[in-house]
Amino acid sequence: MSVTLTLGLKLLVLLGAVCMFFAVFNLLAAKEEKEKIVDVDVRRFKSASSFARLKPEEKLMDRLAVFCLHNFHLEKSLETMHMQLGSPDNPQPVDILYSKIIAALAIPAAIMLLFQSVWPVIFVPVCFMVPDVIIKSKIQKRQAEILGNFSTTVDLAALIIESGLDYLTAFERIIKVAKVKTVLEEELDKTINEIKLGYSRREALERFSARTGVAEVRSLVSLIIQSDELGTSLVDLLRNFSSDLRSTRLSRAEKLAAQASTKMLFPMFMFIFPTIFILILAPMISGLINGGMGF
């Protein structure tokens, strides 16, 4: 009877974990939206998408991938992550989905084998999101590299535009002069090539903004589009924008400096203070153990 009861409890835990998995991801899943013609995230041919290679009728993994795509609406978020990674050949959005499914299955299975229990299945939703955390850390690192010389690039573009050249020509000059292309210059180069291939300037700039995912780049793109549409002076806009960038960076640095003392409290209490107490109290304790107070 106890064995049957234990087996029943394990099955209930497994069923509850599966229900929790679907409940969590149905809550977190993005709602389907109608595609817009000007939406740079969905302006693509479906046949060119990496998800087109899925064959659910032939492979079990592809069947799971299609199930996750349809039920959790992951296609747009995966393609956004891939775009903000710089659209590398590897991993493709479908590869990211594969890694999420493998992590959701393999990690709980390994823990189950280790502890000989069913309860690790409750970690399936958490393990499904582990690859997202890793990829988003890479995206944040890439965005930090973009912001590293962003204000300098804006200043150079303002100087070149002030001499009478177009902003696209200014970007081309900056890319040509650079000895080593940074991430920002690579993205600018992609934008210029897209315009040469037939994209309108607005579309190419919006795609540039979507690829970076940086608020400062979005602001720059808005300024350029506004200048094109209204005919205002782009040089003045860029100079004011560059000044705002420096002020923002200075205030961010001051904020981080103010937080440094607070962030140091934890390592001080955990590592430095115990070491000091050991150094101070160890001789006294040793003296008490070996024969009295010592005075």
C-alpha atoms as a PDB file:
ATOM      1  CA  MET A   1       0.000   0.000   0.000  1.00  0.00           C
ATOM      2  CA  SER A   2       2.801   2.417   0.843  1.00  0.00           C
ATOM      3  CA  VAL A   3       4.528   1.674  -2.484  1.00  0.00           C
ATOM      4  CA  THR A   4       1.299   2.386  -4.370  1.00  0.00           C
ATOM      5  CA  LEU A   5       0.782   5.589  -2.397  1.00  0.00           C
ATOM      6  CA  THR A   6       4.358   6.715  -3.105  1.00  0.00           C
ATOM      7  CA  LEU A   7       3.948   6.007  -6.821  1.00  0.00           C
ATOM      8  CA  GLY A   8       0.671   7.902  -6.872  1.00  0.00           C
ATOM      9  CA  LEU A   9       2.256  10.900  -5.155  1.00  0.00           C
ATOM     10  CA  LYS A  10       5.100  10.890  -7.683  1.00  0.00           C
ATOM     11  CA  LEU A  11       2.630  10.818 -10.562  1.00  0.00           C
ATOM     12  CA  LEU A  12       0.703  13.697  -8.995  1.00  0.00           C
ATOM     13  CA  VAL A  13       3.950  15.692  -8.648  1.00  0.00           C
ATOM     14  CA  LEU A  14       4.791  14.976 -12.294  1.00  0.00           C
ATOM     15  CA  LEU A  15       1.313  15.986 -13.456  1.00  0.00           C
ATOM     16  CA  GLY A  16       1.454  19.142 -11.335  1.00  0.00           C
ATOM     17  CA  ALA A  17       4.845  20.075 -12.761  1.00  0.00           C
ATOM     18  CA  VAL A  18       3.563  19.660 -16.319  1.00  0.00           C
ATOM     19  CA  CYS A  19       0.496  21.784 -15.536  1.00  0.00           C
ATOM     20  CA  MET A  20       2.667  24.438 -13.908  1.00  0.00           C
ATOM     21  CA  PHE A  21       4.955  24.438 -16.968  1.00  0.00           C
ATOM     22  CA  PHE A  22       2.045  25.170 -19.309  1.00  0.00           C
ATOM     23  CA  ALA A  23       0.488  27.709 -16.932  1.00  0.00           C
ATOM     24  CA  VAL A  24       3.730  29.683 -16.531  1.00  0.00           C
ATOM     25  CA  PHE A  25       4.489  29.806 -20.220  1.00  0.00           C
ATOM     26  CA  ASN A  26       0.927  30.642 -21.216  1.00  0.00           C
ATOM     27  CA  LEU A  27       1.157  33.629 -18.862  1.00  0.00           C
ATOM     28  CA  LEU A  28       4.585  34.687 -20.130  1.00  0.00           C
ATOM     29  CA  ALA A  29       3.934  33.980 -23.815  1.00  0.00           C
ATOM     30  CA  ALA A  30       3.642  37.017 -26.033  1.00  0.00           C
ATOM     31  CA  LYS A  31       0.227  37.635 -27.511  1.00  0.00           C
ATOM     32  CA  GLU A  32      -0.067  37.273 -31.254  1.00  0.00           C
ATOM     33  CA  GLU A  33      -0.188  40.569 -33.055  1.00  0.00           C
ATOM     34  CA  LYS A  34      -1.155  41.368 -36.605  1.00  0.00           C
ATOM     35  CA  GLU A  35       1.852  41.888 -38.811  1.00  0.00           C
ATOM     36  CA  LYS A  36       2.412  45.408 -40.053  1.00  0.00           C
ATOM     37  CA  ILE A  37       4.044  46.207 -43.347  1.00  0.00           C
ATOM     38  CA  VAL A  38       6.446  48.683 -41.740  1.00  0.00           C
ATOM     39  CA  ASP A  39       7.315  46.417 -38.815  1.00  0.00           C
ATOM     40  CA  VAL A  40      11.013  45.676 -39.235  1.00  0.00           C
ATOM     41  CA  ASP A  41      10.818  42.611 -36.978  1.00  0.00           C
ATOM     42  CA  VAL A  42       8.343  40.763 -39.207  1.00  0.00           C
ATOM     43  CA  ARG A  43       9.371  42.120 -42.601  1.00  0.00           C
ATOM     44  CA  ARG A  44      10.787  38.872 -43.923  1.00  0.00           C
ATOM     45  CA  PHE A  45       9.844  35.917 -46.104  1.00  0.00           C
ATOM     46  CA  LYS A  46       8.583  32.948 -44.116  1.00  0.00           C
ATOM     47  CA  SER A  47      10.471  30.566 -46.399  1.00  0.00           C
ATOM     48  CA  ALA A  48      13.746  32.298 -45.466  1.00  0.00           C
ATOM     49  CA  SER A  49      13.146  31.833 -41.737  1.00  0.00           C
ATOM     50  CA  SER A  50      15.220  29.235 -39.929  1.00  0.00           C
ATOM     51  CA  PHE A  51      11.961  27.722 -38.624  1.00  0.00           C
ATOM     52  CA  ALA A  52      11.127  26.652 -42.180  1.00  0.00           C
ATOM     53  CA  ARG A  53      13.530  23.726 -41.823  1.00  0.00           C
ATOM     54  CA  LEU A  54      11.445  22.163 -39.051  1.00  0.00           C
ATOM     55  CA  LYS A  55       9.922  18.817 -40.078  1.00  0.00           C
ATOM     56  CA  PRO A  56       7.517  17.770 -37.300  1.00  0.00           C
ATOM     57  CA  GLU A  57       6.263  14.782 -39.255  1.00  0.00           C
ATOM     58  CA  GLU A  58       9.778  13.258 -39.334  1.00  0.00           C
ATOM     59  CA  LYS A  59      11.576  14.253 -36.106  1.00  0.00           C
ATOM     60  CA  LEU A  60      10.399  14.220 -32.504  1.00  0.00           C
ATOM     61  CA  MET A  61      12.568  17.239 -31.607  1.00  0.00           C
ATOM     62  CA  ASP A  62      11.009  19.239 -34.448  1.00  0.00           C
ATOM     63  CA  ARG A  63       7.566  18.215 -33.238  1.00  0.00           C
ATOM     64  CA  LEU A  64       8.388  19.575 -29.780  1.00  0.00           C
ATOM     65  CA  ALA A  65       9.804  22.746 -31.346  1.00  0.00           C
ATOM     66  CA  VAL A  66       6.643  23.365 -33.398  1.00  0.00           C
ATOM     67  CA  PHE A  67       4.527  22.688 -30.308  1.00  0.00           C
ATOM     68  CA  CYS A  68       6.468  25.293 -28.296  1.00  0.00           C
ATOM     69  CA  LEU A  69       6.329  27.828 -31.129  1.00  0.00           C
ATOM     70  CA  HIS A  70       2.566  27.532 -31.569  1.00  0.00           C
ATOM     71  CA  ASN A  71       1.633  27.417 -27.893  1.00  0.00           C
ATOM     72  CA  PHE A  72       4.105  29.894 -26.404  1.00  0.00           C
ATOM     73  CA  HIS A  73       4.446  32.273 -29.414  1.00  0.00           C
ATOM     74  CA  LEU A  74       8.244  32.200 -29.257  1.00  0.00           C
ATOM     75  CA  GLU A  75       9.016  32.927 -32.905  1.00  0.00           C
ATOM     76  CA  LYS A  76       9.204  36.711 -32.646  1.00  0.00           C
ATOM     77  CA  SER A  77      11.182  36.739 -29.365  1.00  0.00           C
ATOM     78  CA  LEU A  78      13.700  34.190 -30.693  1.00  0.00           C
ATOM     79  CA  GLU A  79      14.221  36.138 -33.904  1.00  0.00           C
ATOM     80  CA  THR A  80      14.644  39.355 -31.898  1.00  0.00           C
ATOM     81  CA  MET A  81      17.342  37.712 -29.759  1.00  0.00           C
ATOM     82  CA  HIS A  82      19.059  36.409 -32.891  1.00  0.00           C
ATOM     83  CA  MET A  83      18.911  39.869 -34.462  1.00  0.00           C
ATOM     84  CA  GLN A  84      20.346  41.564 -31.363  1.00  0.00           C
ATOM     85  CA  LEU A  85      23.160  38.999 -31.294  1.00  0.00           C
ATOM     86  CA  GLY A  86      24.193  40.412 -34.663  1.00  0.00           C
ATOM     87  CA  SER A  87      22.360  37.831 -36.823  1.00  0.00           C
ATOM     88  CA  PRO A  88      25.171  35.242 -36.647  1.00  0.00           C
ATOM     89  CA  ASP A  89      25.099  32.105 -38.793  1.00  0.00           C
ATOM     90  CA  ASN A  90      25.234  30.069 -35.609  1.00  0.00           C
ATOM     91  CA  PRO A  91      23.098  29.942 -33.542  1.00  0.00           C
ATOM     92  CA  GLN A  92      19.994  30.448 -35.665  1.00  0.00           C
ATOM     93  CA  PRO A  93      16.627  31.080 -33.913  1.00  0.00           C
ATOM     94  CA  VAL A  94      15.699  27.429 -34.341  1.00  0.00           C
ATOM     95  CA  ASP A  95      19.010  26.408 -32.720  1.00  0.00           C
ATOM     96  CA  ILE A  96      18.175  28.604 -29.718  1.00  0.00           C
ATOM     97  CA  LEU A  97      14.808  26.847 -29.485  1.00  0.00           C
ATOM     98  CA  TYR A  98      16.530  23.455 -29.650  1.00  0.00           C
ATOM     99  CA  SER A  99      18.847  24.467 -26.800  1.00  0.00           C
ATOM    100  CA  LYS A 100      15.863  25.568 -24.697  1.00  0.00           C
ATOM    101  CA  ILE A 101      14.101  22.244 -25.206  1.00  0.00           C
ATOM    102  CA  ILE A 102      17.256  20.218 -24.520  1.00  0.00           C
ATOM    103  CA  ALA A 103      17.945  22.216 -21.331  1.00  0.00           C
ATOM    104  CA  ALA A 104      14.340  21.732 -20.156  1.00  0.00           C
ATOM    105  CA  LEU A 105      14.605  17.973 -20.660  1.00  0.00           C
ATOM    106  CA  ALA A 106      18.235  17.152 -19.880  1.00  0.00           C
ATOM    107  CA  ILE A 107      18.862  19.127 -16.672  1.00  0.00           C
ATOM    108  CA  PRO A 108      15.816  17.830 -14.740  1.00  0.00           C
ATOM    109  CA  ALA A 109      16.511  14.313 -16.056  1.00  0.00           C
ATOM    110  CA  ALA A 110      20.092  14.479 -14.772  1.00  0.00           C
ATOM    111  CA  ILE A 111      18.895  15.677 -11.348  1.00  0.00           C
ATOM    112  CA  MET A 112      16.271  12.929 -11.282  1.00  0.00           C
ATOM    113  CA  LEU A 113      18.947  10.298 -11.940  1.00  0.00           C
ATOM    114  CA  LEU A 114      21.196  11.852  -9.299  1.00  0.00           C
ATOM    115  CA  PHE A 115      18.588  11.941  -6.521  1.00  0.00           C
ATOM    116  CA  GLN A 116      16.462   8.992  -7.716  1.00  0.00           C
ATOM    117  CA  SER A 117      13.297  11.061  -7.397  1.00  0.00           C
ATOM    118  CA  VAL A 118      10.593  12.665  -9.546  1.00  0.00           C
ATOM    119  CA  TRP A 119      10.520  16.080  -7.839  1.00  0.00           C
ATOM    120  CA  PRO A 120      13.184  17.691 -10.161  1.00  0.00           C
ATOM    121  CA  VAL A 121      10.529  17.904 -12.905  1.00  0.00           C
ATOM    122  CA  ILE A 122       9.348  21.102 -11.217  1.00  0.00           C
ATOM    123  CA  PHE A 123      12.517  22.741 -12.597  1.00  0.00           C
ATOM    124  CA  VAL A 124      11.444  22.191 -16.226  1.00  0.00           C
ATOM    125  CA  PRO A 125      10.114  25.783 -16.702  1.00  0.00           C
ATOM    126  CA  VAL A 126      13.235  27.273 -15.118  1.00  0.00           C
ATOM    127  CA  CYS A 127      15.581  25.125 -17.215  1.00  0.00           C
ATOM    128  CA  PHE A 128      13.626  26.074 -20.349  1.00  0.00           C
ATOM    129  CA  MET A 129      14.675  29.702 -19.734  1.00  0.00           C
ATOM    130  CA  VAL A 130      18.358  29.021 -18.925  1.00  0.00           C
ATOM    131  CA  PRO A 131      19.535  29.533 -22.570  1.00  0.00           C
ATOM    132  CA  ASP A 132      17.673  32.862 -22.630  1.00  0.00           C
ATOM    133  CA  VAL A 133      19.713  34.084 -19.663  1.00  0.00           C
ATOM    134  CA  ILE A 134      22.993  33.112 -21.369  1.00  0.00           C
ATOM    135  CA  ILE A 135      22.033  34.716 -24.683  1.00  0.00           C
ATOM    136  CA  LYS A 136      20.763  37.898 -23.044  1.00  0.00           C
ATOM    137  CA  SER A 137      24.072  38.257 -21.194  1.00  0.00           C
ATOM    138  CA  LYS A 138      25.838  38.090 -24.586  1.00  0.00           C
ATOM    139  CA  ILE A 139      23.425  40.676 -25.971  1.00  0.00           C
ATOM    140  CA  GLN A 140      24.109  43.006 -23.034  1.00  0.00           C
ATOM    141  CA  LYS A 141      27.862  42.635 -23.580  1.00  0.00           C
ATOM    142  CA  ARG A 142      27.409  43.464 -27.266  1.00  0.00           C
ATOM    143  CA  GLN A 143      25.256  46.497 -26.424  1.00  0.00           C
ATOM    144  CA  ALA A 144      27.921  47.722 -23.987  1.00  0.00           C
ATOM    145  CA  GLU A 145      30.481  47.520 -26.814  1.00  0.00           C
ATOM    146  CA  ILE A 146      28.151  49.537 -29.045  1.00  0.00           C
ATOM    147  CA  LEU A 147      27.812  52.254 -26.401  1.00  0.00           C
ATOM    148  CA  GLY A 148      31.571  52.305 -25.806  1.00  0.00           C
ATOM    149  CA  ASN A 149      32.397  54.614 -28.724  1.00  0.00           C
ATOM    150  CA  PHE A 150      28.882  55.737 -29.642  1.00  0.00           C
ATOM    151  CA  SER A 151      29.283  59.365 -28.560  1.00  0.00           C
ATOM    152  CA  THR A 152      32.597  59.634 -30.447  1.00  0.00           C
ATOM    153  CA  THR A 153      30.941  58.309 -33.610  1.00  0.00           C
ATOM    154  CA  VAL A 154      28.123  60.841 -33.256  1.00  0.00           C
ATOM    155  CA  ASP A 155      30.665  63.670 -32.871  1.00  0.00           C
ATOM    156  CA  LEU A 156      32.590  62.543 -35.952  1.00  0.00           C
ATOM    157  CA  ALA A 157      29.369  62.286 -37.947  1.00  0.00           C
ATOM    158  CA  ALA A 158      28.404  65.828 -36.897  1.00  0.00           C
ATOM    159  CA  LEU A 159      31.810  67.177 -37.995  1.00  0.00           C
ATOM    160  CA  ILE A 160      31.595  65.473 -41.393  1.00  0.00           C
ATOM    161  CA  ILE A 161      27.978  66.556 -41.965  1.00  0.00           C
ATOM    162  CA  GLU A 162      28.927  70.126 -41.014  1.00  0.00           C
ATOM    163  CA  SER A 163      31.399  70.129 -43.903  1.00  0.00           C
ATOM    164  CA  GLY A 164      28.491  69.649 -46.311  1.00  0.00           C
ATOM    165  CA  LEU A 165      28.226  65.877 -46.752  1.00  0.00           C
ATOM    166  CA  ASP A 166      25.230  63.576 -46.325  1.00  0.00           C
ATOM    167  CA  TYR A 167      24.919  61.506 -43.127  1.00  0.00           C
ATOM    168  CA  LEU A 168      25.286  58.249 -45.072  1.00  0.00           C
ATOM    169  CA  THR A 169      28.508  59.556 -46.589  1.00  0.00           C
ATOM    170  CA  ALA A 170      29.592  60.556 -43.096  1.00  0.00           C
ATOM    171  CA  PHE A 171      29.009  57.018 -41.849  1.00  0.00           C
ATOM    172  CA  GLU A 172      30.933  55.607 -44.831  1.00  0.00           C
ATOM    173  CA  ARG A 173      33.886  57.894 -44.066  1.00  0.00           C
ATOM    174  CA  ILE A 174      33.897  56.843 -40.412  1.00  0.00           C
ATOM    175  CA  ILE A 175      33.857  53.156 -41.394  1.00  0.00           C
ATOM    176  CA  LYS A 176      36.598  53.659 -43.980  1.00  0.00           C
ATOM    177  CA  VAL A 177      38.895  55.528 -41.578  1.00  0.00           C
ATOM    178  CA  ALA A 178      38.503  52.957 -38.778  1.00  0.00           C
ATOM    179  CA  LYS A 179      41.521  50.633 -38.524  1.00  0.00           C
ATOM    180  CA  VAL A 180      39.502  47.952 -36.730  1.00  0.00           C
ATOM    181  CA  LYS A 181      35.733  47.831 -37.118  1.00  0.00           C
ATOM    182  CA  THR A 182      33.824  47.936 -33.862  1.00  0.00           C
ATOM    183  CA  VAL A 183      30.357  46.410 -33.439  1.00  0.00           C
ATOM    184  CA  LEU A 184      28.762  49.821 -34.057  1.00  0.00           C
ATOM    185  CA  GLU A 185      30.692  50.346 -37.278  1.00  0.00           C
ATOM    186  CA  GLU A 186      29.776  46.838 -38.484  1.00  0.00           C
ATOM    187  CA  GLU A 187      26.111  47.632 -37.933  1.00  0.00           C
ATOM    188  CA  LEU A 188      26.457  50.954 -39.756  1.00  0.00           C
ATOM    189  CA  ASP A 189      28.114  49.103 -42.628  1.00  0.00           C
ATOM    190  CA  LYS A 190      25.166  46.684 -42.773  1.00  0.00           C
ATOM    191  CA  THR A 191      22.763  49.638 -42.847  1.00  0.00           C
ATOM    192  CA  ILE A 192      24.588  51.271 -45.764  1.00  0.00           C
ATOM    193  CA  ASN A 193      24.653  47.975 -47.683  1.00  0.00           C
ATOM    194  CA  GLU A 194      20.911  47.496 -47.120  1.00  0.00           C
ATOM    195  CA  ILE A 195      20.219  50.941 -48.584  1.00  0.00           C
ATOM    196  CA  LYS A 196      22.360  50.046 -51.603  1.00  0.00           C
ATOM    197  CA  LEU A 197      20.379  46.807 -51.987  1.00  0.00           C
ATOM    198  CA  GLY A 198      17.077  48.678 -52.239  1.00  0.00           C
ATOM    199  CA  TYR A 199      15.769  49.342 -48.730  1.00  0.00           C
ATOM    200  CA  SER A 200      14.519  52.842 -48.097  1.00  0.00           C
ATOM    201  CA  ARG A 201      16.571  54.930 -45.690  1.00  0.00           C
ATOM    202  CA  ARG A 202      13.848  54.807 -43.057  1.00  0.00           C
ATOM    203  CA  GLU A 203      13.556  51.018 -43.223  1.00  0.00           C
ATOM    204  CA  ALA A 204      17.333  50.511 -43.117  1.00  0.00           C
ATOM    205  CA  LEU A 205      17.662  52.839 -40.115  1.00  0.00           C
ATOM    206  CA  GLU A 206      14.811  51.100 -38.297  1.00  0.00           C
ATOM    207  CA  ARG A 207      16.469  47.742 -38.927  1.00  0.00           C
ATOM    208  CA  PHE A 208      19.726  49.201 -37.570  1.00  0.00           C
ATOM    209  CA  SER A 209      17.892  50.279 -34.421  1.00  0.00           C
ATOM    210  CA  ALA A 210      16.234  46.853 -34.047  1.00  0.00           C
ATOM    211  CA  ARG A 211      19.534  44.995 -34.459  1.00  0.00           C
ATOM    212  CA  THR A 212      21.226  46.946 -31.682  1.00  0.00           C
ATOM    213  CA  GLY A 213      18.330  47.147 -29.218  1.00  0.00           C
ATOM    214  CA  VAL A 214      19.995  50.166 -27.559  1.00  0.00           C
ATOM    215  CA  ALA A 215      17.863  53.128 -26.451  1.00  0.00           C
ATOM    216  CA  GLU A 216      20.538  55.655 -27.474  1.00  0.00           C
ATOM    217  CA  VAL A 217      20.680  54.219 -30.995  1.00  0.00           C
ATOM    218  CA  ARG A 218      16.889  54.371 -31.236  1.00  0.00           C
ATOM    219  CA  SER A 219      17.049  58.049 -30.257  1.00  0.00           C
ATOM    220  CA  LEU A 220      19.698  58.718 -32.924  1.00  0.00           C
ATOM    221  CA  VAL A 221      17.614  56.955 -35.575  1.00  0.00           C
ATOM    222  CA  SER A 222      14.556  59.007 -34.559  1.00  0.00           C
ATOM    223  CA  LEU A 223      16.582  62.222 -34.910  1.00  0.00           C
ATOM    224  CA  ILE A 224      17.820  61.278 -38.379  1.00  0.00           C
ATOM    225  CA  ILE A 225      14.334  60.280 -39.575  1.00  0.00           C
ATOM    226  CA  GLN A 226      12.890  63.484 -38.102  1.00  0.00           C
ATOM    227  CA  SER A 227      15.551  65.524 -39.887  1.00  0.00           C
ATOM    228  CA  ASP A 228      14.803  63.780 -43.192  1.00  0.00           C
ATOM    229  CA  GLU A 229      11.063  64.295 -42.899  1.00  0.00           C
ATOM    230  CA  LEU A 230      11.029  67.866 -41.551  1.00  0.00           C
ATOM    231  CA  GLY A 231      14.161  69.187 -43.235  1.00  0.00           C
ATOM    232  CA  THR A 232      15.716  70.435 -39.987  1.00  0.00           C
ATOM    233  CA  SER A 233      19.449  70.831 -39.468  1.00  0.00           C
ATOM    234  CA  LEU A 234      20.903  67.465 -38.541  1.00  0.00           C
ATOM    235  CA  VAL A 235      24.180  68.978 -37.302  1.00  0.00           C
ATOM    236  CA  ASP A 236      22.505  70.927 -34.502  1.00  0.00           C
ATOM    237  CA  LEU A 237      20.447  67.890 -33.544  1.00  0.00           C
ATOM    238  CA  LEU A 238      23.531  65.686 -33.412  1.00  0.00           C
ATOM    239  CA  ARG A 239      25.511  68.170 -31.329  1.00  0.00           C
ATOM    240  CA  ASN A 240      22.701  68.469 -28.773  1.00  0.00           C
ATOM    241  CA  PHE A 241      22.298  64.702 -28.804  1.00  0.00           C
ATOM    242  CA  SER A 242      26.027  64.183 -28.224  1.00  0.00           C
ATOM    243  CA  SER A 243      25.936  66.622 -25.315  1.00  0.00           C
ATOM    244  CA  ASP A 244      22.998  64.726 -23.806  1.00  0.00           C
ATOM    245  CA  LEU A 245      24.903  61.453 -24.245  1.00  0.00           C
ATOM    246  CA  ARG A 246      27.865  62.791 -22.285  1.00  0.00           C
ATOM    247  CA  SER A 247      25.599  64.089 -19.525  1.00  0.00           C
ATOM    248  CA  THR A 248      23.858  60.720 -19.345  1.00  0.00           C
ATOM    249  CA  ARG A 249      27.170  58.835 -19.184  1.00  0.00           C
ATOM    250  CA  LEU A 250      28.436  61.180 -16.444  1.00  0.00           C
ATOM    251  CA  SER A 251      25.271  60.765 -14.367  1.00  0.00           C
ATOM    252  CA  ARG A 252      25.451  56.975 -14.868  1.00  0.00           C
ATOM    253  CA  ALA A 253      29.074  56.956 -13.707  1.00  0.00           C
ATOM    254  CA  GLU A 254      28.183  59.045 -10.643  1.00  0.00           C
ATOM    255  CA  LYS A 255      25.325  56.679  -9.843  1.00  0.00           C
ATOM    256  CA  LEU A 256      27.596  53.630 -10.090  1.00  0.00           C
ATOM    257  CA  ALA A 257      30.195  55.354  -7.908  1.00  0.00           C
ATOM    258  CA  ALA A 258      27.540  56.107  -5.287  1.00  0.00           C
ATOM    259  CA  GLN A 259      26.408  52.477  -5.337  1.00  0.00           C
ATOM    260  CA  ALA A 260      29.951  51.141  -4.951  1.00  0.00           C
ATOM    261  CA  SER A 261      30.079  51.653  -1.182  1.00  0.00           C
ATOM    262  CA  THR A 262      26.751  49.860  -0.731  1.00  0.00           C
ATOM    263  CA  LYS A 263      27.818  46.964  -2.944  1.00  0.00           C
ATOM    264  CA  MET A 264      31.043  46.576  -0.951  1.00  0.00           C
ATOM    265  CA  LEU A 265      29.180  45.960   2.300  1.00  0.00           C
ATOM    266  CA  PHE A 266      28.278  42.351   1.473  1.00  0.00           C
ATOM    267  CA  PRO A 267      31.822  41.150   0.616  1.00  0.00           C
ATOM    268  CA  MET A 268      33.180  43.087   3.596  1.00  0.00           C
ATOM    269  CA  PHE A 269      30.798  41.394   6.045  1.00  0.00           C
ATOM    270  CA  MET A 270      31.227  37.980   4.429  1.00  0.00           C
ATOM    271  CA  PHE A 271      34.989  37.872   3.839  1.00  0.00           C
ATOM    272  CA  ILE A 272      36.949  40.810   5.292  1.00  0.00           C
ATOM    273  CA  PHE A 273      35.402  41.243   8.756  1.00  0.00           C
ATOM    274  CA  PRO A 274      35.491  37.504   9.660  1.00  0.00           C
ATOM    275  CA  THR A 275      39.164  37.396   8.703  1.00  0.00           C
ATOM    276  CA  ILE A 276      39.916  40.415  10.896  1.00  0.00           C
ATOM    277  CA  PHE A 277      37.998  38.895  13.834  1.00  0.00           C
ATOM    278  CA  ILE A 278      39.913  35.616  13.443  1.00  0.00           C
ATOM    279  CA  LEU A 279      43.252  37.443  13.441  1.00  0.00           C
ATOM    280  CA  ILE A 280      42.311  39.468  16.520  1.00  0.00           C
ATOM    281  CA  LEU A 281      40.576  36.769  18.561  1.00  0.00           C
ATOM    282  CA  ALA A 282      42.688  33.729  17.632  1.00  0.00           C
ATOM    283  CA  PRO A 283      45.606  34.554  20.021  1.00  0.00           C
ATOM    284  CA  MET A 284      43.172  35.265  22.873  1.00  0.00           C
ATOM    285  CA  ILE A 285      41.261  32.018  22.327  1.00  0.00           C
ATOM    286  CA  SER A 286      44.521  30.101  22.034  1.00  0.00           C
ATOM    287  CA  GLY A 287      45.679  31.588  25.344  1.00  0.00           C
ATOM    288  CA  LEU A 288      42.402  30.617  27.043  1.00  0.00           C
ATOM    289  CA  ILE A 289      42.658  27.074  25.778  1.00  0.00           C
ATOM    290  CA  ASN A 290      46.319  26.678  26.764  1.00  0.00           C
ATOM    291  CA  GLY A 291      45.987  27.933  30.333  1.00  0.00           C
ATOM    292  CA  GLY A 292      44.242  31.036  31.476  1.00  0.00           C
ATOM    293  CA  MET A 293      43.740  34.635  30.470  1.00  0.00           C
ATOM    294  CA  GLY A 294      47.437  35.373  30.205  1.00  0.00           C
ATOM    295  CA  PHE A 295      47.450  38.297  32.658  1.00  0.00           C
END
